[in-house]
Amino acid sequence: HYETHPTPRDVARAAVRDLNGASLV
């Protein structure tokens, strides 16, 4: 919630990096 992104695609990419292989719950 603290890092903003210009587009939803950028949010998805950042989430993939942050998840580091983990699955979404």
PDBML (XML) file of the C-alpha atoms, coordinates in Angstrom:
<?xml version="1.0" encoding="UTF-8" ?>
<PDBx:datablock datablockName="MODEL"
   xmlns:PDBx="http://pdbml.pdb.org/schema/pdbx-v50.xsd"
   xmlns:xsi="http://www.w3.org/2001/XMLSchema-instance"
   xsi:schemaLocation="http://pdbml.pdb.org/schema/pdbx-v50.xsd pdbx-v50.xsd">
   <PDBx:atom_siteCategory>
      <PDBx:atom_site id="1">
         <PDBx:B_iso_or_equiv>0.00</PDBx:B_iso_or_equiv>
         <PDBx:Cartn_x>0.000</PDBx:Cartn_x>
         <PDBx:Cartn_y>0.000</PDBx:Cartn_y>
         <PDBx:Cartn_z>0.000</PDBx:Cartn_z>
         <PDBx:auth_asym_id>A</PDBx:auth_asym_id>
         <PDBx:auth_atom_id>CA</PDBx:auth_atom_id>
         <PDBx:auth_comp_id>HIS</PDBx:auth_comp_id>
         <PDBx:auth_seq_id>1</PDBx:auth_seq_id>
         <PDBx:group_PDB>ATOM</PDBx:group_PDB>
         <PDBx:label_alt_id xsi:nil="true" />
         <PDBx:label_asym_id>A</PDBx:label_asym_id>
         <PDBx:label_atom_id>CA</PDBx:label_atom_id>
         <PDBx:label_comp_id>HIS</PDBx:label_comp_id>
         <PDBx:label_entity_id>1</PDBx:label_entity_id>
         <PDBx:label_seq_id>1</PDBx:label_seq_id>
         <PDBx:occupancy>1.00</PDBx:occupancy>
         <PDBx:pdbx_PDB_model_num>1</PDBx:pdbx_PDB_model_num>
         <PDBx:type_symbol>C</PDBx:type_symbol>
      </PDBx:atom_site>
      <PDBx:atom_site id="2">
         <PDBx:B_iso_or_equiv>0.00</PDBx:B_iso_or_equiv>
         <PDBx:Cartn_x>2.990</PDBx:Cartn_x>
         <PDBx:Cartn_y>2.328</PDBx:Cartn_y>
         <PDBx:Cartn_z>0.308</PDBx:Cartn_z>
         <PDBx:auth_asym_id>A</PDBx:auth_asym_id>
         <PDBx:auth_atom_id>CA</PDBx:auth_atom_id>
         <PDBx:auth_comp_id>TYR</PDBx:auth_comp_id>
         <PDBx:auth_seq_id>2</PDBx:auth_seq_id>
         <PDBx:group_PDB>ATOM</PDBx:group_PDB>
         <PDBx:label_alt_id xsi:nil="true" />
         <PDBx:label_asym_id>A</PDBx:label_asym_id>
         <PDBx:label_atom_id>CA</PDBx:label_atom_id>
         <PDBx:label_comp_id>TYR</PDBx:label_comp_id>
         <PDBx:label_entity_id>1</PDBx:label_entity_id>
         <PDBx:label_seq_id>2</PDBx:label_seq_id>
         <PDBx:occupancy>1.00</PDBx:occupancy>
         <PDBx:pdbx_PDB_model_num>1</PDBx:pdbx_PDB_model_num>
         <PDBx:type_symbol>C</PDBx:type_symbol>
      </PDBx:atom_site>
      <PDBx:atom_site id="3">
         <PDBx:B_iso_or_equiv>0.00</PDBx:B_iso_or_equiv>
         <PDBx:Cartn_x>4.554</PDBx:Cartn_x>
         <PDBx:Cartn_y>2.183</PDBx:Cartn_y>
         <PDBx:Cartn_z>-3.150</PDBx:Cartn_z>
         <PDBx:auth_asym_id>A</PDBx:auth_asym_id>
         <PDBx:auth_atom_id>CA</PDBx:auth_atom_id>
         <PDBx:auth_comp_id>GLU</PDBx:auth_comp_id>
         <PDBx:auth_seq_id>3</PDBx:auth_seq_id>
         <PDBx:group_PDB>ATOM</PDBx:group_PDB>
         <PDBx:label_alt_id xsi:nil="true" />
         <PDBx:label_asym_id>A</PDBx:label_asym_id>
         <PDBx:label_atom_id>CA</PDBx:label_atom_id>
         <PDBx:label_comp_id>GLU</PDBx:label_comp_id>
         <PDBx:label_entity_id>1</PDBx:label_entity_id>
         <PDBx:label_seq_id>3</PDBx:label_seq_id>
         <PDBx:occupancy>1.00</PDBx:occupancy>
         <PDBx:pdbx_PDB_model_num>1</PDBx:pdbx_PDB_model_num>
         <PDBx:type_symbol>C</PDBx:type_symbol>
      </PDBx:atom_site>
      <PDBx:atom_site id="4">
         <PDBx:B_iso_or_equiv>0.00</PDBx:B_iso_or_equiv>
         <PDBx:Cartn_x>2.499</PDBx:Cartn_x>
         <PDBx:Cartn_y>3.815</PDBx:Cartn_y>
         <PDBx:Cartn_z>-5.900</PDBx:Cartn_z>
         <PDBx:auth_asym_id>A</PDBx:auth_asym_id>
         <PDBx:auth_atom_id>CA</PDBx:auth_atom_id>
         <PDBx:auth_comp_id>THR</PDBx:auth_comp_id>
         <PDBx:auth_seq_id>4</PDBx:auth_seq_id>
         <PDBx:group_PDB>ATOM</PDBx:group_PDB>
         <PDBx:label_alt_id xsi:nil="true" />
         <PDBx:label_asym_id>A</PDBx:label_asym_id>
         <PDBx:label_atom_id>CA</PDBx:label_atom_id>
         <PDBx:label_comp_id>THR</PDBx:label_comp_id>
         <PDBx:label_entity_id>1</PDBx:label_entity_id>
         <PDBx:label_seq_id>4</PDBx:label_seq_id>
         <PDBx:occupancy>1.00</PDBx:occupancy>
         <PDBx:pdbx_PDB_model_num>1</PDBx:pdbx_PDB_model_num>
         <PDBx:type_symbol>C</PDBx:type_symbol>
      </PDBx:atom_site>
      <PDBx:atom_site id="5">
         <PDBx:B_iso_or_equiv>0.00</PDBx:B_iso_or_equiv>
         <PDBx:Cartn_x>2.678</PDBx:Cartn_x>
         <PDBx:Cartn_y>2.878</PDBx:Cartn_y>
         <PDBx:Cartn_z>-9.579</PDBx:Cartn_z>
         <PDBx:auth_asym_id>A</PDBx:auth_asym_id>
         <PDBx:auth_atom_id>CA</PDBx:auth_atom_id>
         <PDBx:auth_comp_id>HIS</PDBx:auth_comp_id>
         <PDBx:auth_seq_id>5</PDBx:auth_seq_id>
         <PDBx:group_PDB>ATOM</PDBx:group_PDB>
         <PDBx:label_alt_id xsi:nil="true" />
         <PDBx:label_asym_id>A</PDBx:label_asym_id>
         <PDBx:label_atom_id>CA</PDBx:label_atom_id>
         <PDBx:label_comp_id>HIS</PDBx:label_comp_id>
         <PDBx:label_entity_id>1</PDBx:label_entity_id>
         <PDBx:label_seq_id>5</PDBx:label_seq_id>
         <PDBx:occupancy>1.00</PDBx:occupancy>
         <PDBx:pdbx_PDB_model_num>1</PDBx:pdbx_PDB_model_num>
         <PDBx:type_symbol>C</PDBx:type_symbol>
      </PDBx:atom_site>
      <PDBx:atom_site id="6">
         <PDBx:B_iso_or_equiv>0.00</PDBx:B_iso_or_equiv>
         <PDBx:Cartn_x>1.533</PDBx:Cartn_x>
         <PDBx:Cartn_y>4.653</PDBx:Cartn_y>
         <PDBx:Cartn_z>-12.753</PDBx:Cartn_z>
         <PDBx:auth_asym_id>A</PDBx:auth_asym_id>
         <PDBx:auth_atom_id>CA</PDBx:auth_atom_id>
         <PDBx:auth_comp_id>PRO</PDBx:auth_comp_id>
         <PDBx:auth_seq_id>6</PDBx:auth_seq_id>
         <PDBx:group_PDB>ATOM</PDBx:group_PDB>
         <PDBx:label_alt_id xsi:nil="true" />
         <PDBx:label_asym_id>A</PDBx:label_asym_id>
         <PDBx:label_atom_id>CA</PDBx:label_atom_id>
         <PDBx:label_comp_id>PRO</PDBx:label_comp_id>
         <PDBx:label_entity_id>1</PDBx:label_entity_id>
         <PDBx:label_seq_id>6</PDBx:label_seq_id>
         <PDBx:occupancy>1.00</PDBx:occupancy>
         <PDBx:pdbx_PDB_model_num>1</PDBx:pdbx_PDB_model_num>
         <PDBx:type_symbol>C</PDBx:type_symbol>
      </PDBx:atom_site>
      <PDBx:atom_site id="7">
         <PDBx:B_iso_or_equiv>0.00</PDBx:B_iso_or_equiv>
         <PDBx:Cartn_x>-0.509</PDBx:Cartn_x>
         <PDBx:Cartn_y>1.737</PDBx:Cartn_y>
         <PDBx:Cartn_z>-14.173</PDBx:Cartn_z>
         <PDBx:auth_asym_id>A</PDBx:auth_asym_id>
         <PDBx:auth_atom_id>CA</PDBx:auth_atom_id>
         <PDBx:auth_comp_id>THR</PDBx:auth_comp_id>
         <PDBx:auth_seq_id>7</PDBx:auth_seq_id>
         <PDBx:group_PDB>ATOM</PDBx:group_PDB>
         <PDBx:label_alt_id xsi:nil="true" />
         <PDBx:label_asym_id>A</PDBx:label_asym_id>
         <PDBx:label_atom_id>CA</PDBx:label_atom_id>
         <PDBx:label_comp_id>THR</PDBx:label_comp_id>
         <PDBx:label_entity_id>1</PDBx:label_entity_id>
         <PDBx:label_seq_id>7</PDBx:label_seq_id>
         <PDBx:occupancy>1.00</PDBx:occupancy>
         <PDBx:pdbx_PDB_model_num>1</PDBx:pdbx_PDB_model_num>
         <PDBx:type_symbol>C</PDBx:type_symbol>
      </PDBx:atom_site>
      <PDBx:atom_site id="8">
         <PDBx:B_iso_or_equiv>0.00</PDBx:B_iso_or_equiv>
         <PDBx:Cartn_x>-2.142</PDBx:Cartn_x>
         <PDBx:Cartn_y>-1.522</PDBx:Cartn_y>
         <PDBx:Cartn_z>-13.043</PDBx:Cartn_z>
         <PDBx:auth_asym_id>A</PDBx:auth_asym_id>
         <PDBx:auth_atom_id>CA</PDBx:auth_atom_id>
         <PDBx:auth_comp_id>PRO</PDBx:auth_comp_id>
         <PDBx:auth_seq_id>8</PDBx:auth_seq_id>
         <PDBx:group_PDB>ATOM</PDBx:group_PDB>
         <PDBx:label_alt_id xsi:nil="true" />
         <PDBx:label_asym_id>A</PDBx:label_asym_id>
         <PDBx:label_atom_id>CA</PDBx:label_atom_id>
         <PDBx:label_comp_id>PRO</PDBx:label_comp_id>
         <PDBx:label_entity_id>1</PDBx:label_entity_id>
         <PDBx:label_seq_id>8</PDBx:label_seq_id>
         <PDBx:occupancy>1.00</PDBx:occupancy>
         <PDBx:pdbx_PDB_model_num>1</PDBx:pdbx_PDB_model_num>
         <PDBx:type_symbol>C</PDBx:type_symbol>
      </PDBx:atom_site>
      <PDBx:atom_site id="9">
         <PDBx:B_iso_or_equiv>0.00</PDBx:B_iso_or_equiv>
         <PDBx:Cartn_x>0.414</PDBx:Cartn_x>
         <PDBx:Cartn_y>-3.413</PDBx:Cartn_y>
         <PDBx:Cartn_z>-15.177</PDBx:Cartn_z>
         <PDBx:auth_asym_id>A</PDBx:auth_asym_id>
         <PDBx:auth_atom_id>CA</PDBx:auth_atom_id>
         <PDBx:auth_comp_id>ARG</PDBx:auth_comp_id>
         <PDBx:auth_seq_id>9</PDBx:auth_seq_id>
         <PDBx:group_PDB>ATOM</PDBx:group_PDB>
         <PDBx:label_alt_id xsi:nil="true" />
         <PDBx:label_asym_id>A</PDBx:label_asym_id>
         <PDBx:label_atom_id>CA</PDBx:label_atom_id>
         <PDBx:label_comp_id>ARG</PDBx:label_comp_id>
         <PDBx:label_entity_id>1</PDBx:label_entity_id>
         <PDBx:label_seq_id>9</PDBx:label_seq_id>
         <PDBx:occupancy>1.00</PDBx:occupancy>
         <PDBx:pdbx_PDB_model_num>1</PDBx:pdbx_PDB_model_num>
         <PDBx:type_symbol>C</PDBx:type_symbol>
      </PDBx:atom_site>
      <PDBx:atom_site id="10">
         <PDBx:B_iso_or_equiv>0.00</PDBx:B_iso_or_equiv>
         <PDBx:Cartn_x>3.215</PDBx:Cartn_x>
         <PDBx:Cartn_y>-1.846</PDBx:Cartn_y>
         <PDBx:Cartn_z>-13.142</PDBx:Cartn_z>
         <PDBx:auth_asym_id>A</PDBx:auth_asym_id>
         <PDBx:auth_atom_id>CA</PDBx:auth_atom_id>
         <PDBx:auth_comp_id>ASP</PDBx:auth_comp_id>
         <PDBx:auth_seq_id>10</PDBx:auth_seq_id>
         <PDBx:group_PDB>ATOM</PDBx:group_PDB>
         <PDBx:label_alt_id xsi:nil="true" />
         <PDBx:label_asym_id>A</PDBx:label_asym_id>
         <PDBx:label_atom_id>CA</PDBx:label_atom_id>
         <PDBx:label_comp_id>ASP</PDBx:label_comp_id>
         <PDBx:label_entity_id>1</PDBx:label_entity_id>
         <PDBx:label_seq_id>10</PDBx:label_seq_id>
         <PDBx:occupancy>1.00</PDBx:occupancy>
         <PDBx:pdbx_PDB_model_num>1</PDBx:pdbx_PDB_model_num>
         <PDBx:type_symbol>C</PDBx:type_symbol>
      </PDBx:atom_site>
      <PDBx:atom_site id="11">
         <PDBx:B_iso_or_equiv>0.00</PDBx:B_iso_or_equiv>
         <PDBx:Cartn_x>1.378</PDBx:Cartn_x>
         <PDBx:Cartn_y>-2.778</PDBx:Cartn_y>
         <PDBx:Cartn_z>-9.917</PDBx:Cartn_z>
         <PDBx:auth_asym_id>A</PDBx:auth_asym_id>
         <PDBx:auth_atom_id>CA</PDBx:auth_atom_id>
         <PDBx:auth_comp_id>VAL</PDBx:auth_comp_id>
         <PDBx:auth_seq_id>11</PDBx:auth_seq_id>
         <PDBx:group_PDB>ATOM</PDBx:group_PDB>
         <PDBx:label_alt_id xsi:nil="true" />
         <PDBx:label_asym_id>A</PDBx:label_asym_id>
         <PDBx:label_atom_id>CA</PDBx:label_atom_id>
         <PDBx:label_comp_id>VAL</PDBx:label_comp_id>
         <PDBx:label_entity_id>1</PDBx:label_entity_id>
         <PDBx:label_seq_id>11</PDBx:label_seq_id>
         <PDBx:occupancy>1.00</PDBx:occupancy>
         <PDBx:pdbx_PDB_model_num>1</PDBx:pdbx_PDB_model_num>
         <PDBx:type_symbol>C</PDBx:type_symbol>
      </PDBx:atom_site>
      <PDBx:atom_site id="12">
         <PDBx:B_iso_or_equiv>0.00</PDBx:B_iso_or_equiv>
         <PDBx:Cartn_x>1.100</PDBx:Cartn_x>
         <PDBx:Cartn_y>-6.403</PDBx:Cartn_y>
         <PDBx:Cartn_z>-11.096</PDBx:Cartn_z>
         <PDBx:auth_asym_id>A</PDBx:auth_asym_id>
         <PDBx:auth_atom_id>CA</PDBx:auth_atom_id>
         <PDBx:auth_comp_id>ALA</PDBx:auth_comp_id>
         <PDBx:auth_seq_id>12</PDBx:auth_seq_id>
         <PDBx:group_PDB>ATOM</PDBx:group_PDB>
         <PDBx:label_alt_id xsi:nil="true" />
         <PDBx:label_asym_id>A</PDBx:label_asym_id>
         <PDBx:label_atom_id>CA</PDBx:label_atom_id>
         <PDBx:label_comp_id>ALA</PDBx:label_comp_id>
         <PDBx:label_entity_id>1</PDBx:label_entity_id>
         <PDBx:label_seq_id>12</PDBx:label_seq_id>
         <PDBx:occupancy>1.00</PDBx:occupancy>
         <PDBx:pdbx_PDB_model_num>1</PDBx:pdbx_PDB_model_num>
         <PDBx:type_symbol>C</PDBx:type_symbol>
      </PDBx:atom_site>
      <PDBx:atom_site id="13">
         <PDBx:B_iso_or_equiv>0.00</PDBx:B_iso_or_equiv>
         <PDBx:Cartn_x>4.788</PDBx:Cartn_x>
         <PDBx:Cartn_y>-6.532</PDBx:Cartn_y>
         <PDBx:Cartn_z>-11.998</PDBx:Cartn_z>
         <PDBx:auth_asym_id>A</PDBx:auth_asym_id>
         <PDBx:auth_atom_id>CA</PDBx:auth_atom_id>
         <PDBx:auth_comp_id>ARG</PDBx:auth_comp_id>
         <PDBx:auth_seq_id>13</PDBx:auth_seq_id>
         <PDBx:group_PDB>ATOM</PDBx:group_PDB>
         <PDBx:label_alt_id xsi:nil="true" />
         <PDBx:label_asym_id>A</PDBx:label_asym_id>
         <PDBx:label_atom_id>CA</PDBx:label_atom_id>
         <PDBx:label_comp_id>ARG</PDBx:label_comp_id>
         <PDBx:label_entity_id>1</PDBx:label_entity_id>
         <PDBx:label_seq_id>13</PDBx:label_seq_id>
         <PDBx:occupancy>1.00</PDBx:occupancy>
         <PDBx:pdbx_PDB_model_num>1</PDBx:pdbx_PDB_model_num>
         <PDBx:type_symbol>C</PDBx:type_symbol>
      </PDBx:atom_site>
      <PDBx:atom_site id="14">
         <PDBx:B_iso_or_equiv>0.00</PDBx:B_iso_or_equiv>
         <PDBx:Cartn_x>5.770</PDBx:Cartn_x>
         <PDBx:Cartn_y>-5.068</PDBx:Cartn_y>
         <PDBx:Cartn_z>-8.614</PDBx:Cartn_z>
         <PDBx:auth_asym_id>A</PDBx:auth_asym_id>
         <PDBx:auth_atom_id>CA</PDBx:auth_atom_id>
         <PDBx:auth_comp_id>ALA</PDBx:auth_comp_id>
         <PDBx:auth_seq_id>14</PDBx:auth_seq_id>
         <PDBx:group_PDB>ATOM</PDBx:group_PDB>
         <PDBx:label_alt_id xsi:nil="true" />
         <PDBx:label_asym_id>A</PDBx:label_asym_id>
         <PDBx:label_atom_id>CA</PDBx:label_atom_id>
         <PDBx:label_comp_id>ALA</PDBx:label_comp_id>
         <PDBx:label_entity_id>1</PDBx:label_entity_id>
         <PDBx:label_seq_id>14</PDBx:label_seq_id>
         <PDBx:occupancy>1.00</PDBx:occupancy>
         <PDBx:pdbx_PDB_model_num>1</PDBx:pdbx_PDB_model_num>
         <PDBx:type_symbol>C</PDBx:type_symbol>
      </PDBx:atom_site>
      <PDBx:atom_site id="15">
         <PDBx:B_iso_or_equiv>0.00</PDBx:B_iso_or_equiv>
         <PDBx:Cartn_x>3.538</PDBx:Cartn_x>
         <PDBx:Cartn_y>-7.608</PDBx:Cartn_y>
         <PDBx:Cartn_z>-6.846</PDBx:Cartn_z>
         <PDBx:auth_asym_id>A</PDBx:auth_asym_id>
         <PDBx:auth_atom_id>CA</PDBx:auth_atom_id>
         <PDBx:auth_comp_id>ALA</PDBx:auth_comp_id>
         <PDBx:auth_seq_id>15</PDBx:auth_seq_id>
         <PDBx:group_PDB>ATOM</PDBx:group_PDB>
         <PDBx:label_alt_id xsi:nil="true" />
         <PDBx:label_asym_id>A</PDBx:label_asym_id>
         <PDBx:label_atom_id>CA</PDBx:label_atom_id>
         <PDBx:label_comp_id>ALA</PDBx:label_comp_id>
         <PDBx:label_entity_id>1</PDBx:label_entity_id>
         <PDBx:label_seq_id>15</PDBx:label_seq_id>
         <PDBx:occupancy>1.00</PDBx:occupancy>
         <PDBx:pdbx_PDB_model_num>1</PDBx:pdbx_PDB_model_num>
         <PDBx:type_symbol>C</PDBx:type_symbol>
      </PDBx:atom_site>
      <PDBx:atom_site id="16">
         <PDBx:B_iso_or_equiv>0.00</PDBx:B_iso_or_equiv>
         <PDBx:Cartn_x>5.237</PDBx:Cartn_x>
         <PDBx:Cartn_y>-10.458</PDBx:Cartn_y>
         <PDBx:Cartn_z>-8.716</PDBx:Cartn_z>
         <PDBx:auth_asym_id>A</PDBx:auth_asym_id>
         <PDBx:auth_atom_id>CA</PDBx:auth_atom_id>
         <PDBx:auth_comp_id>VAL</PDBx:auth_comp_id>
         <PDBx:auth_seq_id>16</PDBx:auth_seq_id>
         <PDBx:group_PDB>ATOM</PDBx:group_PDB>
         <PDBx:label_alt_id xsi:nil="true" />
         <PDBx:label_asym_id>A</PDBx:label_asym_id>
         <PDBx:label_atom_id>CA</PDBx:label_atom_id>
         <PDBx:label_comp_id>VAL</PDBx:label_comp_id>
         <PDBx:label_entity_id>1</PDBx:label_entity_id>
         <PDBx:label_seq_id>16</PDBx:label_seq_id>
         <PDBx:occupancy>1.00</PDBx:occupancy>
         <PDBx:pdbx_PDB_model_num>1</PDBx:pdbx_PDB_model_num>
         <PDBx:type_symbol>C</PDBx:type_symbol>
      </PDBx:atom_site>
      <PDBx:atom_site id="17">
         <PDBx:B_iso_or_equiv>0.00</PDBx:B_iso_or_equiv>
         <PDBx:Cartn_x>8.619</PDBx:Cartn_x>
         <PDBx:Cartn_y>-9.161</PDBx:Cartn_y>
         <PDBx:Cartn_z>-7.582</PDBx:Cartn_z>
         <PDBx:auth_asym_id>A</PDBx:auth_asym_id>
         <PDBx:auth_atom_id>CA</PDBx:auth_atom_id>
         <PDBx:auth_comp_id>ARG</PDBx:auth_comp_id>
         <PDBx:auth_seq_id>17</PDBx:auth_seq_id>
         <PDBx:group_PDB>ATOM</PDBx:group_PDB>
         <PDBx:label_alt_id xsi:nil="true" />
         <PDBx:label_asym_id>A</PDBx:label_asym_id>
         <PDBx:label_atom_id>CA</PDBx:label_atom_id>
         <PDBx:label_comp_id>ARG</PDBx:label_comp_id>
         <PDBx:label_entity_id>1</PDBx:label_entity_id>
         <PDBx:label_seq_id>17</PDBx:label_seq_id>
         <PDBx:occupancy>1.00</PDBx:occupancy>
         <PDBx:pdbx_PDB_model_num>1</PDBx:pdbx_PDB_model_num>
         <PDBx:type_symbol>C</PDBx:type_symbol>
      </PDBx:atom_site>
      <PDBx:atom_site id="18">
         <PDBx:B_iso_or_equiv>0.00</PDBx:B_iso_or_equiv>
         <PDBx:Cartn_x>7.392</PDBx:Cartn_x>
         <PDBx:Cartn_y>-8.704</PDBx:Cartn_y>
         <PDBx:Cartn_z>-3.986</PDBx:Cartn_z>
         <PDBx:auth_asym_id>A</PDBx:auth_asym_id>
         <PDBx:auth_atom_id>CA</PDBx:auth_atom_id>
         <PDBx:auth_comp_id>ASP</PDBx:auth_comp_id>
         <PDBx:auth_seq_id>18</PDBx:auth_seq_id>
         <PDBx:group_PDB>ATOM</PDBx:group_PDB>
         <PDBx:label_alt_id xsi:nil="true" />
         <PDBx:label_asym_id>A</PDBx:label_asym_id>
         <PDBx:label_atom_id>CA</PDBx:label_atom_id>
         <PDBx:label_comp_id>ASP</PDBx:label_comp_id>
         <PDBx:label_entity_id>1</PDBx:label_entity_id>
         <PDBx:label_seq_id>18</PDBx:label_seq_id>
         <PDBx:occupancy>1.00</PDBx:occupancy>
         <PDBx:pdbx_PDB_model_num>1</PDBx:pdbx_PDB_model_num>
         <PDBx:type_symbol>C</PDBx:type_symbol>
      </PDBx:atom_site>
      <PDBx:atom_site id="19">
         <PDBx:B_iso_or_equiv>0.00</PDBx:B_iso_or_equiv>
         <PDBx:Cartn_x>5.792</PDBx:Cartn_x>
         <PDBx:Cartn_y>-12.164</PDBx:Cartn_y>
         <PDBx:Cartn_z>-3.869</PDBx:Cartn_z>
         <PDBx:auth_asym_id>A</PDBx:auth_asym_id>
         <PDBx:auth_atom_id>CA</PDBx:auth_atom_id>
         <PDBx:auth_comp_id>LEU</PDBx:auth_comp_id>
         <PDBx:auth_seq_id>19</PDBx:auth_seq_id>
         <PDBx:group_PDB>ATOM</PDBx:group_PDB>
         <PDBx:label_alt_id xsi:nil="true" />
         <PDBx:label_asym_id>A</PDBx:label_asym_id>
         <PDBx:label_atom_id>CA</PDBx:label_atom_id>
         <PDBx:label_comp_id>LEU</PDBx:label_comp_id>
         <PDBx:label_entity_id>1</PDBx:label_entity_id>
         <PDBx:label_seq_id>19</PDBx:label_seq_id>
         <PDBx:occupancy>1.00</PDBx:occupancy>
         <PDBx:pdbx_PDB_model_num>1</PDBx:pdbx_PDB_model_num>
         <PDBx:type_symbol>C</PDBx:type_symbol>
      </PDBx:atom_site>
      <PDBx:atom_site id="20">
         <PDBx:B_iso_or_equiv>0.00</PDBx:B_iso_or_equiv>
         <PDBx:Cartn_x>9.130</PDBx:Cartn_x>
         <PDBx:Cartn_y>-13.702</PDBx:Cartn_y>
         <PDBx:Cartn_z>-4.867</PDBx:Cartn_z>
         <PDBx:auth_asym_id>A</PDBx:auth_asym_id>
         <PDBx:auth_atom_id>CA</PDBx:auth_atom_id>
         <PDBx:auth_comp_id>ASN</PDBx:auth_comp_id>
         <PDBx:auth_seq_id>20</PDBx:auth_seq_id>
         <PDBx:group_PDB>ATOM</PDBx:group_PDB>
         <PDBx:label_alt_id xsi:nil="true" />
         <PDBx:label_asym_id>A</PDBx:label_asym_id>
         <PDBx:label_atom_id>CA</PDBx:label_atom_id>
         <PDBx:label_comp_id>ASN</PDBx:label_comp_id>
         <PDBx:label_entity_id>1</PDBx:label_entity_id>
         <PDBx:label_seq_id>20</PDBx:label_seq_id>
         <PDBx:occupancy>1.00</PDBx:occupancy>
         <PDBx:pdbx_PDB_model_num>1</PDBx:pdbx_PDB_model_num>
         <PDBx:type_symbol>C</PDBx:type_symbol>
      </PDBx:atom_site>
      <PDBx:atom_site id="21">
         <PDBx:B_iso_or_equiv>0.00</PDBx:B_iso_or_equiv>
         <PDBx:Cartn_x>7.475</PDBx:Cartn_x>
         <PDBx:Cartn_y>-16.963</PDBx:Cartn_y>
         <PDBx:Cartn_z>-5.971</PDBx:Cartn_z>
         <PDBx:auth_asym_id>A</PDBx:auth_asym_id>
         <PDBx:auth_atom_id>CA</PDBx:auth_atom_id>
         <PDBx:auth_comp_id>GLY</PDBx:auth_comp_id>
         <PDBx:auth_seq_id>21</PDBx:auth_seq_id>
         <PDBx:group_PDB>ATOM</PDBx:group_PDB>
         <PDBx:label_alt_id xsi:nil="true" />
         <PDBx:label_asym_id>A</PDBx:label_asym_id>
         <PDBx:label_atom_id>CA</PDBx:label_atom_id>
         <PDBx:label_comp_id>GLY</PDBx:label_comp_id>
         <PDBx:label_entity_id>1</PDBx:label_entity_id>
         <PDBx:label_seq_id>21</PDBx:label_seq_id>
         <PDBx:occupancy>1.00</PDBx:occupancy>
         <PDBx:pdbx_PDB_model_num>1</PDBx:pdbx_PDB_model_num>
         <PDBx:type_symbol>C</PDBx:type_symbol>
      </PDBx:atom_site>
      <PDBx:atom_site id="22">
         <PDBx:B_iso_or_equiv>0.00</PDBx:B_iso_or_equiv>
         <PDBx:Cartn_x>4.790</PDBx:Cartn_x>
         <PDBx:Cartn_y>-17.101</PDBx:Cartn_y>
         <PDBx:Cartn_z>-3.265</PDBx:Cartn_z>
         <PDBx:auth_asym_id>A</PDBx:auth_asym_id>
         <PDBx:auth_atom_id>CA</PDBx:auth_atom_id>
         <PDBx:auth_comp_id>ALA</PDBx:auth_comp_id>
         <PDBx:auth_seq_id>22</PDBx:auth_seq_id>
         <PDBx:group_PDB>ATOM</PDBx:group_PDB>
         <PDBx:label_alt_id xsi:nil="true" />
         <PDBx:label_asym_id>A</PDBx:label_asym_id>
         <PDBx:label_atom_id>CA</PDBx:label_atom_id>
         <PDBx:label_comp_id>ALA</PDBx:label_comp_id>
         <PDBx:label_entity_id>1</PDBx:label_entity_id>
         <PDBx:label_seq_id>22</PDBx:label_seq_id>
         <PDBx:occupancy>1.00</PDBx:occupancy>
         <PDBx:pdbx_PDB_model_num>1</PDBx:pdbx_PDB_model_num>
         <PDBx:type_symbol>C</PDBx:type_symbol>
      </PDBx:atom_site>
      <PDBx:atom_site id="23">
         <PDBx:B_iso_or_equiv>0.00</PDBx:B_iso_or_equiv>
         <PDBx:Cartn_x>1.133</PDBx:Cartn_x>
         <PDBx:Cartn_y>-17.537</PDBx:Cartn_y>
         <PDBx:Cartn_z>-4.202</PDBx:Cartn_z>
         <PDBx:auth_asym_id>A</PDBx:auth_asym_id>
         <PDBx:auth_atom_id>CA</PDBx:auth_atom_id>
         <PDBx:auth_comp_id>SER</PDBx:auth_comp_id>
         <PDBx:auth_seq_id>23</PDBx:auth_seq_id>
         <PDBx:group_PDB>ATOM</PDBx:group_PDB>
         <PDBx:label_alt_id xsi:nil="true" />
         <PDBx:label_asym_id>A</PDBx:label_asym_id>
         <PDBx:label_atom_id>CA</PDBx:label_atom_id>
         <PDBx:label_comp_id>SER</PDBx:label_comp_id>
         <PDBx:label_entity_id>1</PDBx:label_entity_id>
         <PDBx:label_seq_id>23</PDBx:label_seq_id>
         <PDBx:occupancy>1.00</PDBx:occupancy>
         <PDBx:pdbx_PDB_model_num>1</PDBx:pdbx_PDB_model_num>
         <PDBx:type_symbol>C</PDBx:type_symbol>
      </PDBx:atom_site>
      <PDBx:atom_site id="24">
         <PDBx:B_iso_or_equiv>0.00</PDBx:B_iso_or_equiv>
         <PDBx:Cartn_x>-1.532</PDBx:Cartn_x>
         <PDBx:Cartn_y>-14.916</PDBx:Cartn_y>
         <PDBx:Cartn_z>-3.626</PDBx:Cartn_z>
         <PDBx:auth_asym_id>A</PDBx:auth_asym_id>
         <PDBx:auth_atom_id>CA</PDBx:auth_atom_id>
         <PDBx:auth_comp_id>LEU</PDBx:auth_comp_id>
         <PDBx:auth_seq_id>24</PDBx:auth_seq_id>
         <PDBx:group_PDB>ATOM</PDBx:group_PDB>
         <PDBx:label_alt_id xsi:nil="true" />
         <PDBx:label_asym_id>A</PDBx:label_asym_id>
         <PDBx:label_atom_id>CA</PDBx:label_atom_id>
         <PDBx:label_comp_id>LEU</PDBx:label_comp_id>
         <PDBx:label_entity_id>1</PDBx:label_entity_id>
         <PDBx:label_seq_id>24</PDBx:label_seq_id>
         <PDBx:occupancy>1.00</PDBx:occupancy>
         <PDBx:pdbx_PDB_model_num>1</PDBx:pdbx_PDB_model_num>
         <PDBx:type_symbol>C</PDBx:type_symbol>
      </PDBx:atom_site>
      <PDBx:atom_site id="25">
         <PDBx:B_iso_or_equiv>0.00</PDBx:B_iso_or_equiv>
         <PDBx:Cartn_x>-3.873</PDBx:Cartn_x>
         <PDBx:Cartn_y>-15.650</PDBx:Cartn_y>
         <PDBx:Cartn_z>-0.725</PDBx:Cartn_z>
         <PDBx:auth_asym_id>A</PDBx:auth_asym_id>
         <PDBx:auth_atom_id>CA</PDBx:auth_atom_id>
         <PDBx:auth_comp_id>VAL</PDBx:auth_comp_id>
         <PDBx:auth_seq_id>25</PDBx:auth_seq_id>
         <PDBx:group_PDB>ATOM</PDBx:group_PDB>
         <PDBx:label_alt_id xsi:nil="true" />
         <PDBx:label_asym_id>A</PDBx:label_asym_id>
         <PDBx:label_atom_id>CA</PDBx:label_atom_id>
         <PDBx:label_comp_id>VAL</PDBx:label_comp_id>
         <PDBx:label_entity_id>1</PDBx:label_entity_id>
         <PDBx:label_seq_id>25</PDBx:label_seq_id>
         <PDBx:occupancy>1.00</PDBx:occupancy>
         <PDBx:pdbx_PDB_model_num>1</PDBx:pdbx_PDB_model_num>
         <PDBx:type_symbol>C</PDBx:type_symbol>
      </PDBx:atom_site>
   </PDBx:atom_siteCategory>
</PDBx:datablock>
